[in-house]
Amino acid sequence: MNAMWKVLAGRIDALSLRERALLFWSVLICGLVLGDQFLLEPVQRRQQQLALNVKQQSAELLVLSTQLGTSKTEPVAVNAPQTVRAEMAALQRRIDAVEREIARLSRPGGEADPLPKVLLHILRRYEGLTLERTATLAPEAASRPVPAGAEAPSASVFRHGMEFTVSGSYGELMRYVQTLEQELPTLRWGGMKLSSGQPAPSLTLQVFWLGAPS
């Protein structure tokens, strides 16, 4: 073994300086290639395998979380129609109560001046509307037409009036007026003024109805 090293050392000593440099670089490059082949490449393969495992586990967790979220929302979806029906029934009960109160106040022989309460009851249906102002107009004597051959009524009839301002969106204001026309057909209309104010438009109305003296 020592003789072989002596022979190799003699051969290296016999080389020129340029040949020795080339030999050194060749040995260094071979060492780097062997190190990459036997040391770095296995480590890189293990890192790639770990990254692939992490990616697969993330995909499985995503699927599980999606399934869990679906199972949690299913009872809500099942109960949603029942909740909507209950809300609709409660809203219908409120509307029926308001309509009964309107009918009671609108009956002949009721209160002398039922209109403010009727307007308030109807206004409660529209959450987007606000009653800004009300003013009572001076009553005026009025006469109802009497059929031929009938006796004239003994009680006097007066024409009552009221002016009020309601604010809200244009759509809500128009629907409110339509509701008054449908549910209070005996109501007589006076002036109507729409103003584009801030923060919401406003509608000023004058309405009249016949009744006994206040």
N, C-alpha and C. Protein backbone atom coordinates (compact mmCIF):
# COMPACT_ATOMS: atom_id res chain seq x y z
N MET A 1 0.83 -1.21 0.00
CA MET A 1 0.00 0.00 0.00
C MET A 1 0.86 1.25 0.00
N ASN A 2 1.95 1.21 0.85
CA ASN A 2 2.85 2.36 0.89
C ASN A 2 3.58 2.51 -0.44
N ALA A 3 3.89 1.37 -1.06
CA ALA A 3 4.59 1.45 -2.35
C ALA A 3 3.71 2.09 -3.40
N MET A 4 2.36 1.79 -3.35
CA MET A 4 1.43 2.39 -4.32
C MET A 4 1.34 3.90 -4.11
N TRP A 5 1.28 4.31 -2.84
CA TRP A 5 1.21 5.75 -2.58
C TRP A 5 2.49 6.45 -3.01
N LYS A 6 3.63 5.74 -2.85
CA LYS A 6 4.90 6.33 -3.29
C LYS A 6 4.93 6.49 -4.80
N VAL A 7 4.38 5.49 -5.50
CA VAL A 7 4.35 5.57 -6.96
C VAL A 7 3.44 6.74 -7.40
N LEU A 8 2.25 6.86 -6.77
CA LEU A 8 1.35 7.94 -7.12
C LEU A 8 1.95 9.31 -6.78
N ALA A 9 2.63 9.40 -5.64
CA ALA A 9 3.25 10.67 -5.27
C ALA A 9 4.36 11.02 -6.25
N GLY A 10 5.08 9.98 -6.72
CA GLY A 10 6.14 10.26 -7.68
C GLY A 10 5.58 10.76 -8.99
N ARG A 11 4.46 10.17 -9.39
CA ARG A 11 3.83 10.61 -10.64
C ARG A 11 3.32 12.04 -10.52
N ILE A 12 2.74 12.36 -9.36
CA ILE A 12 2.22 13.73 -9.17
C ILE A 12 3.37 14.73 -9.14
N ASP A 13 4.49 14.33 -8.49
CA ASP A 13 5.63 15.23 -8.45
C ASP A 13 6.21 15.45 -9.84
N ALA A 14 6.01 14.45 -10.70
CA ALA A 14 6.55 14.58 -12.05
C ALA A 14 5.69 15.49 -12.93
N LEU A 15 4.44 15.77 -12.49
CA LEU A 15 3.56 16.62 -13.29
C LEU A 15 4.00 18.08 -13.20
N SER A 16 3.63 18.81 -14.23
CA SER A 16 3.89 20.25 -14.21
C SER A 16 2.85 20.94 -13.33
N LEU A 17 3.07 22.22 -13.05
CA LEU A 17 2.15 22.97 -12.20
C LEU A 17 0.76 23.05 -12.84
N ARG A 18 0.66 23.21 -14.12
CA ARG A 18 -0.62 23.29 -14.82
C ARG A 18 -1.36 21.97 -14.74
N GLU A 19 -0.62 20.85 -14.90
CA GLU A 19 -1.25 19.53 -14.85
C GLU A 19 -1.74 19.22 -13.43
N ARG A 20 -0.93 19.67 -12.41
CA ARG A 20 -1.36 19.47 -11.03
C ARG A 20 -2.67 20.23 -10.75
N ALA A 21 -2.82 21.49 -11.27
CA ALA A 21 -4.04 22.26 -11.07
C ALA A 21 -5.22 21.57 -11.72
N LEU A 22 -5.06 21.06 -12.93
CA LEU A 22 -6.15 20.35 -13.62
C LEU A 22 -6.56 19.11 -12.84
N LEU A 23 -5.56 18.38 -12.31
CA LEU A 23 -5.85 17.18 -11.53
C LEU A 23 -6.64 17.54 -10.26
N PHE A 24 -6.24 18.64 -9.61
CA PHE A 24 -6.94 19.06 -8.39
C PHE A 24 -8.40 19.40 -8.67
N TRP A 25 -8.64 20.17 -9.74
CA TRP A 25 -10.02 20.53 -10.07
C TRP A 25 -10.85 19.31 -10.48
N SER A 26 -10.23 18.35 -11.16
CA SER A 26 -10.95 17.15 -11.55
C SER A 26 -11.39 16.35 -10.33
N VAL A 27 -10.47 16.23 -9.36
CA VAL A 27 -10.80 15.50 -8.14
C VAL A 27 -11.91 16.24 -7.36
N LEU A 28 -11.83 17.59 -7.31
CA LEU A 28 -12.83 18.37 -6.60
C LEU A 28 -14.21 18.22 -7.23
N ILE A 29 -14.28 18.29 -8.56
CA ILE A 29 -15.58 18.15 -9.26
C ILE A 29 -16.16 16.77 -9.04
N CYS A 30 -15.31 15.74 -9.11
CA CYS A 30 -15.81 14.38 -8.87
C CYS A 30 -16.37 14.24 -7.45
N GLY A 31 -15.69 14.87 -6.51
CA GLY A 31 -16.18 14.83 -5.13
C GLY A 31 -17.54 15.50 -4.99
N LEU A 32 -17.73 16.65 -5.66
CA LEU A 32 -19.01 17.34 -5.60
C LEU A 32 -20.13 16.52 -6.23
N VAL A 33 -19.82 15.89 -7.36
CA VAL A 33 -20.83 15.08 -8.03
C VAL A 33 -21.24 13.89 -7.17
N LEU A 34 -20.25 13.24 -6.58
CA LEU A 34 -20.57 12.10 -5.72
C LEU A 34 -21.35 12.54 -4.47
N GLY A 35 -20.99 13.72 -3.90
CA GLY A 35 -21.72 14.21 -2.74
C GLY A 35 -23.17 14.52 -3.05
N ASP A 36 -23.41 15.14 -4.25
CA ASP A 36 -24.78 15.43 -4.66
C ASP A 36 -25.57 14.16 -4.89
N GLN A 37 -24.90 13.15 -5.45
CA GLN A 37 -25.58 11.90 -5.79
C GLN A 37 -25.97 11.12 -4.54
N PHE A 38 -25.09 11.08 -3.56
CA PHE A 38 -25.31 10.20 -2.41
C PHE A 38 -25.80 10.94 -1.16
N LEU A 39 -25.69 12.28 -1.12
CA LEU A 39 -26.10 13.02 0.06
C LEU A 39 -27.26 13.97 -0.19
N LEU A 40 -27.11 14.87 -1.18
CA LEU A 40 -28.14 15.90 -1.41
C LEU A 40 -29.39 15.34 -2.07
N GLU A 41 -29.26 14.48 -3.03
CA GLU A 41 -30.43 13.98 -3.76
C GLU A 41 -31.40 13.22 -2.86
N PRO A 42 -30.95 12.34 -1.96
CA PRO A 42 -31.91 11.69 -1.05
C PRO A 42 -32.65 12.68 -0.16
N VAL A 43 -31.93 13.70 0.30
CA VAL A 43 -32.59 14.71 1.13
C VAL A 43 -33.68 15.44 0.34
N GLN A 44 -33.38 15.81 -0.91
CA GLN A 44 -34.36 16.49 -1.76
C GLN A 44 -35.57 15.61 -2.02
N ARG A 45 -35.33 14.32 -2.24
CA ARG A 45 -36.45 13.41 -2.46
C ARG A 45 -37.35 13.33 -1.22
N ARG A 46 -36.72 13.29 -0.02
CA ARG A 46 -37.52 13.26 1.20
C ARG A 46 -38.33 14.55 1.36
N GLN A 47 -37.73 15.71 1.02
CA GLN A 47 -38.46 16.97 1.11
C GLN A 47 -39.65 17.00 0.16
N GLN A 48 -39.45 16.51 -1.07
CA GLN A 48 -40.54 16.47 -2.03
C GLN A 48 -41.67 15.55 -1.55
N GLN A 49 -41.30 14.42 -0.95
CA GLN A 49 -42.32 13.50 -0.45
C GLN A 49 -43.10 14.12 0.69
N LEU A 50 -42.38 14.84 1.59
CA LEU A 50 -43.06 15.51 2.69
C LEU A 50 -44.02 16.59 2.19
N ALA A 51 -43.58 17.37 1.19
CA ALA A 51 -44.45 18.40 0.63
C ALA A 51 -45.70 17.79 -0.01
N LEU A 52 -45.52 16.64 -0.69
CA LEU A 52 -46.67 15.97 -1.29
C LEU A 52 -47.63 15.46 -0.23
N ASN A 53 -47.08 14.92 0.87
CA ASN A 53 -47.94 14.44 1.95
C ASN A 53 -48.73 15.59 2.59
N VAL A 54 -48.05 16.73 2.79
CA VAL A 54 -48.74 17.89 3.37
C VAL A 54 -49.86 18.37 2.46
N LYS A 55 -49.60 18.38 1.15
CA LYS A 55 -50.62 18.81 0.20
C LYS A 55 -51.83 17.88 0.21
N GLN A 56 -51.58 16.57 0.27
CA GLN A 56 -52.69 15.62 0.32
C GLN A 56 -53.51 15.77 1.61
N GLN A 57 -52.81 15.97 2.74
CA GLN A 57 -53.51 16.14 4.00
C GLN A 57 -54.35 17.42 4.01
N SER A 58 -53.82 18.49 3.38
CA SER A 58 -54.59 19.74 3.30
C SER A 58 -55.85 19.54 2.48
N ALA A 59 -55.74 18.79 1.36
CA ALA A 59 -56.92 18.54 0.54
C ALA A 59 -57.95 17.72 1.31
N GLU A 60 -57.50 16.73 2.09
CA GLU A 60 -58.43 15.92 2.88
C GLU A 60 -59.12 16.76 3.96
N LEU A 61 -58.35 17.66 4.61
CA LEU A 61 -58.95 18.53 5.61
C LEU A 61 -59.99 19.46 5.01
N LEU A 62 -59.71 19.95 3.78
CA LEU A 62 -60.67 20.83 3.12
C LEU A 62 -61.97 20.09 2.82
N VAL A 63 -61.86 18.85 2.37
CA VAL A 63 -63.07 18.06 2.08
C VAL A 63 -63.86 17.82 3.37
N LEU A 64 -63.15 17.50 4.45
CA LEU A 64 -63.83 17.25 5.72
C LEU A 64 -64.52 18.50 6.25
N SER A 65 -63.84 19.65 6.15
CA SER A 65 -64.46 20.89 6.62
C SER A 65 -65.67 21.26 5.79
N THR A 66 -65.62 21.00 4.47
CA THR A 66 -66.78 21.28 3.62
C THR A 66 -67.96 20.38 4.00
N GLN A 67 -67.68 19.11 4.23
CA GLN A 67 -68.75 18.20 4.64
C GLN A 67 -69.33 18.58 5.99
N LEU A 68 -68.46 19.02 6.92
CA LEU A 68 -68.93 19.43 8.24
C LEU A 68 -69.81 20.68 8.15
N GLY A 69 -69.39 21.65 7.30
CA GLY A 69 -70.19 22.86 7.12
C GLY A 69 -71.54 22.56 6.50
N THR A 70 -71.57 21.61 5.55
CA THR A 70 -72.84 21.23 4.92
C THR A 70 -73.77 20.58 5.94
N SER A 71 -73.21 19.72 6.79
CA SER A 71 -74.06 19.06 7.78
C SER A 71 -74.60 20.04 8.81
N LYS A 72 -73.84 21.13 9.09
CA LYS A 72 -74.33 22.12 10.05
C LYS A 72 -75.42 22.99 9.46
N THR A 73 -75.34 23.26 8.17
CA THR A 73 -76.33 24.15 7.55
C THR A 73 -77.59 23.43 7.13
N GLU A 74 -77.58 22.12 7.07
CA GLU A 74 -78.76 21.39 6.63
C GLU A 74 -79.96 21.60 7.56
N PRO A 75 -79.79 21.56 8.89
CA PRO A 75 -80.97 21.80 9.75
C PRO A 75 -81.56 23.17 9.57
N VAL A 76 -80.72 24.18 9.32
CA VAL A 76 -81.23 25.54 9.10
C VAL A 76 -82.06 25.59 7.84
N ALA A 77 -81.56 24.88 6.78
CA ALA A 77 -82.31 24.88 5.52
C ALA A 77 -83.64 24.17 5.69
N VAL A 78 -83.65 23.12 6.54
CA VAL A 78 -84.89 22.39 6.75
C VAL A 78 -85.90 23.26 7.51
N ASN A 79 -85.42 24.02 8.49
CA ASN A 79 -86.31 24.83 9.33
C ASN A 79 -86.68 26.17 8.70
N ALA A 80 -85.99 26.56 7.60
CA ALA A 80 -86.25 27.87 7.01
C ALA A 80 -87.70 28.03 6.55
N PRO A 81 -88.31 27.10 5.82
CA PRO A 81 -89.72 27.30 5.42
C PRO A 81 -90.66 27.45 6.60
N GLN A 82 -90.42 26.69 7.68
CA GLN A 82 -91.28 26.80 8.86
C GLN A 82 -91.15 28.18 9.49
N THR A 83 -89.92 28.72 9.55
CA THR A 83 -89.71 30.05 10.11
C THR A 83 -90.40 31.11 9.27
N VAL A 84 -90.29 30.99 7.94
CA VAL A 84 -90.93 31.97 7.05
C VAL A 84 -92.44 31.92 7.20
N ARG A 85 -93.00 30.72 7.31
CA ARG A 85 -94.46 30.60 7.48
C ARG A 85 -94.91 31.23 8.80
N ALA A 86 -94.12 31.03 9.86
CA ALA A 86 -94.48 31.63 11.15
C ALA A 86 -94.45 33.15 11.08
N GLU A 87 -93.42 33.71 10.40
CA GLU A 87 -93.34 35.16 10.27
C GLU A 87 -94.49 35.70 9.43
N MET A 88 -94.85 35.00 8.36
CA MET A 88 -95.97 35.44 7.52
C MET A 88 -97.28 35.38 8.30
N ALA A 89 -97.44 34.35 9.12
CA ALA A 89 -98.67 34.25 9.92
C ALA A 89 -98.76 35.39 10.93
N ALA A 90 -97.62 35.71 11.58
CA ALA A 90 -97.62 36.82 12.54
C ALA A 90 -97.92 38.14 11.85
N LEU A 91 -97.34 38.34 10.65
CA LEU A 91 -97.61 39.57 9.90
C LEU A 91 -99.07 39.66 9.49
N GLN A 92 -99.65 38.53 9.08
CA GLN A 92 -101.07 38.53 8.69
C GLN A 92 -101.96 38.85 9.87
N ARG A 93 -101.59 38.35 11.06
CA ARG A 93 -102.39 38.67 12.26
C ARG A 93 -102.34 40.16 12.57
N ARG A 94 -101.16 40.76 12.40
CA ARG A 94 -101.05 42.21 12.62
C ARG A 94 -101.92 42.98 11.63
N ILE A 95 -101.88 42.55 10.35
CA ILE A 95 -102.69 43.23 9.33
C ILE A 95 -104.17 43.09 9.64
N ASP A 96 -104.59 41.88 10.05
CA ASP A 96 -106.00 41.66 10.37
C ASP A 96 -106.44 42.54 11.53
N ALA A 97 -105.58 42.66 12.55
CA ALA A 97 -105.92 43.50 13.70
C ALA A 97 -106.07 44.96 13.28
N VAL A 98 -105.15 45.43 12.41
CA VAL A 98 -105.24 46.82 11.94
C VAL A 98 -106.51 47.04 11.14
N GLU A 99 -106.85 46.06 10.27
CA GLU A 99 -108.05 46.21 9.45
C GLU A 99 -109.31 46.21 10.31
N ARG A 100 -109.33 45.40 11.36
CA ARG A 100 -110.50 45.40 12.25
C ARG A 100 -110.63 46.75 12.97
N GLU A 101 -109.50 47.31 13.39
CA GLU A 101 -109.54 48.61 14.06
C GLU A 101 -109.99 49.71 13.11
N ILE A 102 -109.53 49.64 11.86
CA ILE A 102 -109.96 50.62 10.86
C ILE A 102 -111.46 50.52 10.62
N ALA A 103 -111.95 49.29 10.49
CA ALA A 103 -113.39 49.11 10.27
C ALA A 103 -114.19 49.63 11.45
N ARG A 104 -113.70 49.40 12.67
CA ARG A 104 -114.42 49.87 13.85
C ARG A 104 -114.47 51.39 13.89
N LEU A 105 -113.36 52.03 13.61
CA LEU A 105 -113.32 53.49 13.66
C LEU A 105 -114.09 54.13 12.51
N SER A 106 -114.22 53.40 11.41
CA SER A 106 -114.90 53.97 10.23
C SER A 106 -116.41 53.76 10.26
N ARG A 107 -116.93 52.99 11.23
CA ARG A 107 -118.37 52.74 11.28
C ARG A 107 -119.13 54.01 11.65
N PRO A 108 -120.31 54.21 11.08
CA PRO A 108 -121.12 55.36 11.49
C PRO A 108 -121.46 55.26 12.97
N GLY A 109 -121.54 56.41 13.62
CA GLY A 109 -121.83 56.43 15.04
C GLY A 109 -120.64 56.20 15.92
N GLY A 110 -119.45 56.10 15.33
CA GLY A 110 -118.24 55.92 16.11
C GLY A 110 -117.76 57.26 16.62
N GLU A 111 -116.46 57.39 16.78
CA GLU A 111 -115.91 58.63 17.27
C GLU A 111 -116.17 59.75 16.28
N ALA A 112 -116.27 60.97 16.82
CA ALA A 112 -116.56 62.11 15.93
C ALA A 112 -115.42 62.37 14.97
N ASP A 113 -114.20 62.11 15.38
CA ASP A 113 -113.05 62.41 14.53
C ASP A 113 -112.10 61.21 14.53
N PRO A 114 -112.44 60.13 13.82
CA PRO A 114 -111.63 58.91 13.87
C PRO A 114 -110.43 58.92 12.93
N LEU A 115 -110.34 59.87 12.02
CA LEU A 115 -109.33 59.81 10.97
C LEU A 115 -107.90 59.76 11.50
N PRO A 116 -107.49 60.56 12.47
CA PRO A 116 -106.10 60.47 12.94
C PRO A 116 -105.70 59.07 13.38
N LYS A 117 -106.61 58.38 14.11
CA LYS A 117 -106.28 57.02 14.54
C LYS A 117 -106.21 56.06 13.36
N VAL A 118 -107.11 56.24 12.41
CA VAL A 118 -107.10 55.37 11.23
C VAL A 118 -105.80 55.56 10.45
N LEU A 119 -105.41 56.81 10.26
CA LEU A 119 -104.16 57.08 9.54
C LEU A 119 -102.98 56.48 10.27
N LEU A 120 -102.97 56.57 11.59
CA LEU A 120 -101.86 56.03 12.37
C LEU A 120 -101.80 54.52 12.24
N HIS A 121 -102.94 53.85 12.27
CA HIS A 121 -102.96 52.40 12.14
C HIS A 121 -102.46 51.97 10.77
N ILE A 122 -102.90 52.65 9.74
CA ILE A 122 -102.44 52.29 8.41
C ILE A 122 -100.96 52.60 8.25
N LEU A 123 -100.50 53.69 8.83
CA LEU A 123 -99.11 54.08 8.70
C LEU A 123 -98.17 53.07 9.35
N ARG A 124 -98.65 52.38 10.37
CA ARG A 124 -97.81 51.39 11.06
C ARG A 124 -97.41 50.24 10.16
N ARG A 125 -98.13 50.01 9.09
CA ARG A 125 -97.77 48.93 8.18
C ARG A 125 -96.48 49.24 7.42
N TYR A 126 -96.16 50.50 7.28
CA TYR A 126 -95.02 50.91 6.45
C TYR A 126 -93.91 51.40 7.37
N GLU A 127 -92.94 50.51 7.62
CA GLU A 127 -91.86 50.85 8.54
C GLU A 127 -90.95 51.94 7.98
N GLY A 128 -90.94 52.12 6.65
CA GLY A 128 -90.08 53.12 6.06
C GLY A 128 -90.68 54.52 6.02
N LEU A 129 -91.92 54.69 6.53
CA LEU A 129 -92.58 55.99 6.51
C LEU A 129 -92.62 56.61 7.90
N THR A 130 -92.57 57.94 7.93
CA THR A 130 -92.62 58.68 9.19
C THR A 130 -93.66 59.79 9.07
N LEU A 131 -94.54 59.88 10.06
CA LEU A 131 -95.52 60.96 10.11
C LEU A 131 -94.83 62.21 10.67
N GLU A 132 -94.66 63.22 9.82
CA GLU A 132 -93.91 64.41 10.21
C GLU A 132 -94.81 65.47 10.87
N ARG A 133 -96.02 65.64 10.35
CA ARG A 133 -96.85 66.75 10.83
C ARG A 133 -98.32 66.46 10.56
N THR A 134 -99.18 66.93 11.46
CA THR A 134 -100.63 66.85 11.24
C THR A 134 -101.25 68.19 11.63
N ALA A 135 -102.29 68.56 10.92
CA ALA A 135 -103.02 69.80 11.22
C ALA A 135 -104.49 69.58 10.89
N THR A 136 -105.36 69.97 11.81
CA THR A 136 -106.80 69.83 11.62
C THR A 136 -107.34 71.06 10.92
N LEU A 137 -108.08 70.85 9.85
CA LEU A 137 -108.70 71.95 9.12
C LEU A 137 -110.06 72.29 9.74
N ALA A 138 -110.45 73.54 9.60
CA ALA A 138 -111.72 73.99 10.19
C ALA A 138 -112.89 73.27 9.53
N PRO A 139 -113.81 72.71 10.33
CA PRO A 139 -114.96 72.02 9.74
C PRO A 139 -115.91 73.01 9.07
N GLU A 140 -116.57 72.52 8.05
CA GLU A 140 -117.54 73.34 7.31
C GLU A 140 -118.86 72.60 7.24
N ALA A 141 -119.93 73.34 7.31
CA ALA A 141 -121.26 72.72 7.21
C ALA A 141 -121.45 72.17 5.82
N ALA A 142 -122.00 70.98 5.75
CA ALA A 142 -122.23 70.33 4.46
C ALA A 142 -123.61 69.71 4.49
N SER A 143 -124.14 69.49 3.31
CA SER A 143 -125.48 68.90 3.21
C SER A 143 -125.41 67.65 2.36
N ARG A 144 -126.03 66.60 2.85
CA ARG A 144 -126.09 65.36 2.08
C ARG A 144 -127.31 65.40 1.16
N PRO A 145 -127.22 64.79 -0.01
CA PRO A 145 -128.39 64.74 -0.89
C PRO A 145 -129.49 63.90 -0.28
N VAL A 146 -130.73 64.41 -0.32
CA VAL A 146 -131.89 63.71 0.26
C VAL A 146 -132.76 63.21 -0.88
N PRO A 147 -133.11 61.91 -0.91
CA PRO A 147 -133.97 61.38 -1.98
C PRO A 147 -135.35 62.06 -1.95
N ALA A 148 -136.02 62.06 -3.10
CA ALA A 148 -137.34 62.69 -3.21
C ALA A 148 -138.33 61.98 -2.31
N GLY A 149 -139.11 62.75 -1.56
CA GLY A 149 -140.12 62.20 -0.66
C GLY A 149 -139.61 61.85 0.71
N ALA A 150 -138.24 61.88 0.91
CA ALA A 150 -137.70 61.54 2.22
C ALA A 150 -137.56 62.79 3.06
N GLU A 151 -137.59 62.61 4.38
CA GLU A 151 -137.45 63.74 5.29
C GLU A 151 -135.97 64.11 5.43
N ALA A 152 -135.72 65.38 5.59
CA ALA A 152 -134.35 65.85 5.78
C ALA A 152 -133.85 65.42 7.15
N PRO A 153 -132.60 64.99 7.27
CA PRO A 153 -132.07 64.58 8.58
C PRO A 153 -132.05 65.75 9.54
N SER A 154 -132.32 65.44 10.79
CA SER A 154 -132.36 66.50 11.79
C SER A 154 -130.97 66.94 12.21
N ALA A 155 -130.00 66.00 12.22
CA ALA A 155 -128.65 66.34 12.65
C ALA A 155 -127.90 67.02 11.52
N SER A 156 -127.08 67.98 11.89
CA SER A 156 -126.26 68.67 10.90
C SER A 156 -125.06 67.81 10.52
N VAL A 157 -124.64 67.96 9.31
CA VAL A 157 -123.48 67.22 8.79
C VAL A 157 -122.38 68.22 8.48
N PHE A 158 -121.18 67.93 8.92
CA PHE A 158 -120.05 68.82 8.70
C PHE A 158 -118.98 68.12 7.86
N ARG A 159 -118.30 68.95 7.11
CA ARG A 159 -117.17 68.48 6.30
C ARG A 159 -115.88 68.74 7.08
N HIS A 160 -115.31 67.65 7.63
CA HIS A 160 -114.07 67.75 8.39
C HIS A 160 -112.87 67.58 7.46
N GLY A 161 -111.78 68.16 7.85
CA GLY A 161 -110.58 68.06 7.04
C GLY A 161 -109.32 67.95 7.86
N MET A 162 -108.30 67.42 7.22
CA MET A 162 -107.02 67.25 7.91
C MET A 162 -105.89 67.34 6.89
N GLU A 163 -104.81 67.96 7.29
CA GLU A 163 -103.61 68.04 6.46
C GLU A 163 -102.47 67.38 7.22
N PHE A 164 -101.74 66.51 6.56
CA PHE A 164 -100.63 65.82 7.22
C PHE A 164 -99.50 65.59 6.23
N THR A 165 -98.30 65.42 6.77
CA THR A 165 -97.10 65.22 5.97
C THR A 165 -96.43 63.92 6.39
N VAL A 166 -96.11 63.11 5.40
CA VAL A 166 -95.46 61.81 5.61
C VAL A 166 -94.18 61.79 4.79
N SER A 167 -93.08 61.31 5.37
CA SER A 167 -91.80 61.22 4.66
C SER A 167 -91.37 59.77 4.52
N GLY A 168 -90.65 59.51 3.43
CA GLY A 168 -90.16 58.15 3.15
C GLY A 168 -89.80 58.04 1.69
N SER A 169 -89.57 56.82 1.24
CA SER A 169 -89.21 56.60 -0.17
C SER A 169 -90.42 56.82 -1.06
N TYR A 170 -90.15 57.10 -2.35
CA TYR A 170 -91.25 57.34 -3.30
C TYR A 170 -92.18 56.13 -3.39
N GLY A 171 -91.59 54.93 -3.44
CA GLY A 171 -92.42 53.73 -3.55
C GLY A 171 -93.33 53.54 -2.36
N GLU A 172 -92.79 53.73 -1.14
CA GLU A 172 -93.60 53.58 0.06
C GLU A 172 -94.70 54.63 0.12
N LEU A 173 -94.40 55.87 -0.28
CA LEU A 173 -95.42 56.92 -0.26
C LEU A 173 -96.57 56.61 -1.21
N MET A 174 -96.25 56.12 -2.41
CA MET A 174 -97.29 55.80 -3.37
C MET A 174 -98.15 54.63 -2.88
N ARG A 175 -97.49 53.63 -2.29
CA ARG A 175 -98.27 52.49 -1.77
C ARG A 175 -99.16 52.91 -0.60
N TYR A 176 -98.69 53.86 0.20
CA TYR A 176 -99.50 54.35 1.32
C TYR A 176 -100.76 55.05 0.81
N VAL A 177 -100.61 55.88 -0.22
CA VAL A 177 -101.77 56.57 -0.80
C VAL A 177 -102.74 55.56 -1.40
N GLN A 178 -102.23 54.55 -2.09
CA GLN A 178 -103.11 53.54 -2.68
C GLN A 178 -103.87 52.78 -1.59
N THR A 179 -103.20 52.51 -0.45
CA THR A 179 -103.88 51.83 0.65
C THR A 179 -105.01 52.69 1.21
N LEU A 180 -104.76 53.99 1.37
CA LEU A 180 -105.82 54.88 1.85
C LEU A 180 -107.00 54.89 0.89
N GLU A 181 -106.74 54.91 -0.41
CA GLU A 181 -107.83 54.91 -1.39
C GLU A 181 -108.64 53.63 -1.33
N GLN A 182 -107.97 52.51 -1.14
CA GLN A 182 -108.67 51.22 -1.14
C GLN A 182 -109.46 50.98 0.15
N GLU A 183 -108.87 51.32 1.29
CA GLU A 183 -109.49 50.98 2.56
C GLU A 183 -110.38 52.09 3.11
N LEU A 184 -110.27 53.29 2.60
CA LEU A 184 -111.14 54.40 3.02
C LEU A 184 -111.79 55.01 1.78
N PRO A 185 -112.70 54.27 1.16
CA PRO A 185 -113.29 54.77 -0.09
C PRO A 185 -114.14 56.02 0.09
N THR A 186 -114.63 56.28 1.30
CA THR A 186 -115.45 57.48 1.52
C THR A 186 -114.60 58.73 1.75
N LEU A 187 -113.31 58.57 1.79
CA LEU A 187 -112.42 59.71 2.02
C LEU A 187 -112.40 60.60 0.78
N ARG A 188 -112.42 61.91 1.00
CA ARG A 188 -112.35 62.87 -0.10
C ARG A 188 -110.98 63.54 -0.07
N TRP A 189 -110.41 63.71 -1.25
CA TRP A 189 -109.04 64.19 -1.36
C TRP A 189 -109.00 65.67 -1.71
N GLY A 190 -108.06 66.38 -1.09
CA GLY A 190 -107.80 67.77 -1.41
C GLY A 190 -106.46 67.90 -2.11
N GLY A 191 -105.65 68.86 -1.66
CA GLY A 191 -104.35 69.07 -2.29
C GLY A 191 -103.37 67.97 -1.94
N MET A 192 -102.41 67.77 -2.84
CA MET A 192 -101.37 66.76 -2.66
C MET A 192 -100.06 67.33 -3.20
N LYS A 193 -99.04 67.40 -2.35
CA LYS A 193 -97.77 68.02 -2.74
C LYS A 193 -96.62 67.09 -2.37
N LEU A 194 -95.80 66.76 -3.38
CA LEU A 194 -94.64 65.90 -3.19
C LEU A 194 -93.37 66.74 -3.22
N SER A 195 -92.54 66.62 -2.18
CA SER A 195 -91.30 67.40 -2.09
C SER A 195 -90.11 66.45 -1.98
N SER A 196 -89.05 66.76 -2.73
CA SER A 196 -87.84 65.92 -2.70
C SER A 196 -86.87 66.48 -1.67
N GLY A 197 -87.17 66.25 -0.41
CA GLY A 197 -86.34 66.78 0.67
C GLY A 197 -85.26 65.81 1.09
N GLN A 198 -84.50 66.20 2.09
CA GLN A 198 -83.44 65.38 2.64
C GLN A 198 -83.73 65.09 4.11
N PRO A 199 -83.49 63.89 4.60
CA PRO A 199 -82.86 62.77 3.90
C PRO A 199 -83.81 61.94 3.05
N ALA A 200 -85.12 62.24 3.07
CA ALA A 200 -86.09 61.45 2.31
C ALA A 200 -87.16 62.38 1.77
N PRO A 201 -87.81 62.01 0.65
CA PRO A 201 -88.91 62.81 0.12
C PRO A 201 -90.08 62.86 1.10
N SER A 202 -90.91 63.86 0.95
CA SER A 202 -92.09 64.00 1.82
C SER A 202 -93.32 64.28 0.97
N LEU A 203 -94.47 63.85 1.47
CA LEU A 203 -95.74 64.02 0.77
C LEU A 203 -96.72 64.69 1.74
N THR A 204 -97.26 65.83 1.31
CA THR A 204 -98.26 66.55 2.10
C THR A 204 -99.63 66.33 1.47
N LEU A 205 -100.58 65.86 2.27
CA LEU A 205 -101.92 65.51 1.77
C LEU A 205 -102.98 66.29 2.55
N GLN A 206 -104.07 66.57 1.85
CA GLN A 206 -105.28 67.10 2.47
C GLN A 206 -106.41 66.12 2.20
N VAL A 207 -107.08 65.69 3.27
CA VAL A 207 -108.19 64.74 3.13
C VAL A 207 -109.40 65.29 3.87
N PHE A 208 -110.59 64.89 3.39
CA PHE A 208 -111.84 65.39 3.97
C PHE A 208 -112.81 64.22 4.13
N TRP A 209 -113.70 64.36 5.11
CA TRP A 209 -114.74 63.35 5.32
C TRP A 209 -115.93 64.03 6.01
N LEU A 210 -117.09 63.40 5.86
CA LEU A 210 -118.31 63.94 6.43
C LEU A 210 -118.58 63.30 7.78
N GLY A 211 -119.06 64.13 8.71
CA GLY A 211 -119.35 63.61 10.03
C GLY A 211 -120.12 64.59 10.87
N ALA A 212 -120.40 64.22 12.09
CA ALA A 212 -121.14 65.07 13.02
C ALA A 212 -120.21 66.19 13.51
N PRO A 213 -120.79 67.22 14.10
CA PRO A 213 -119.94 68.30 14.63
C PRO A 213 -119.00 67.78 15.70
N SER A 214 -117.81 68.34 15.76
CA SER A 214 -116.81 67.90 16.74
C SER A 214 -117.26 68.32 18.14
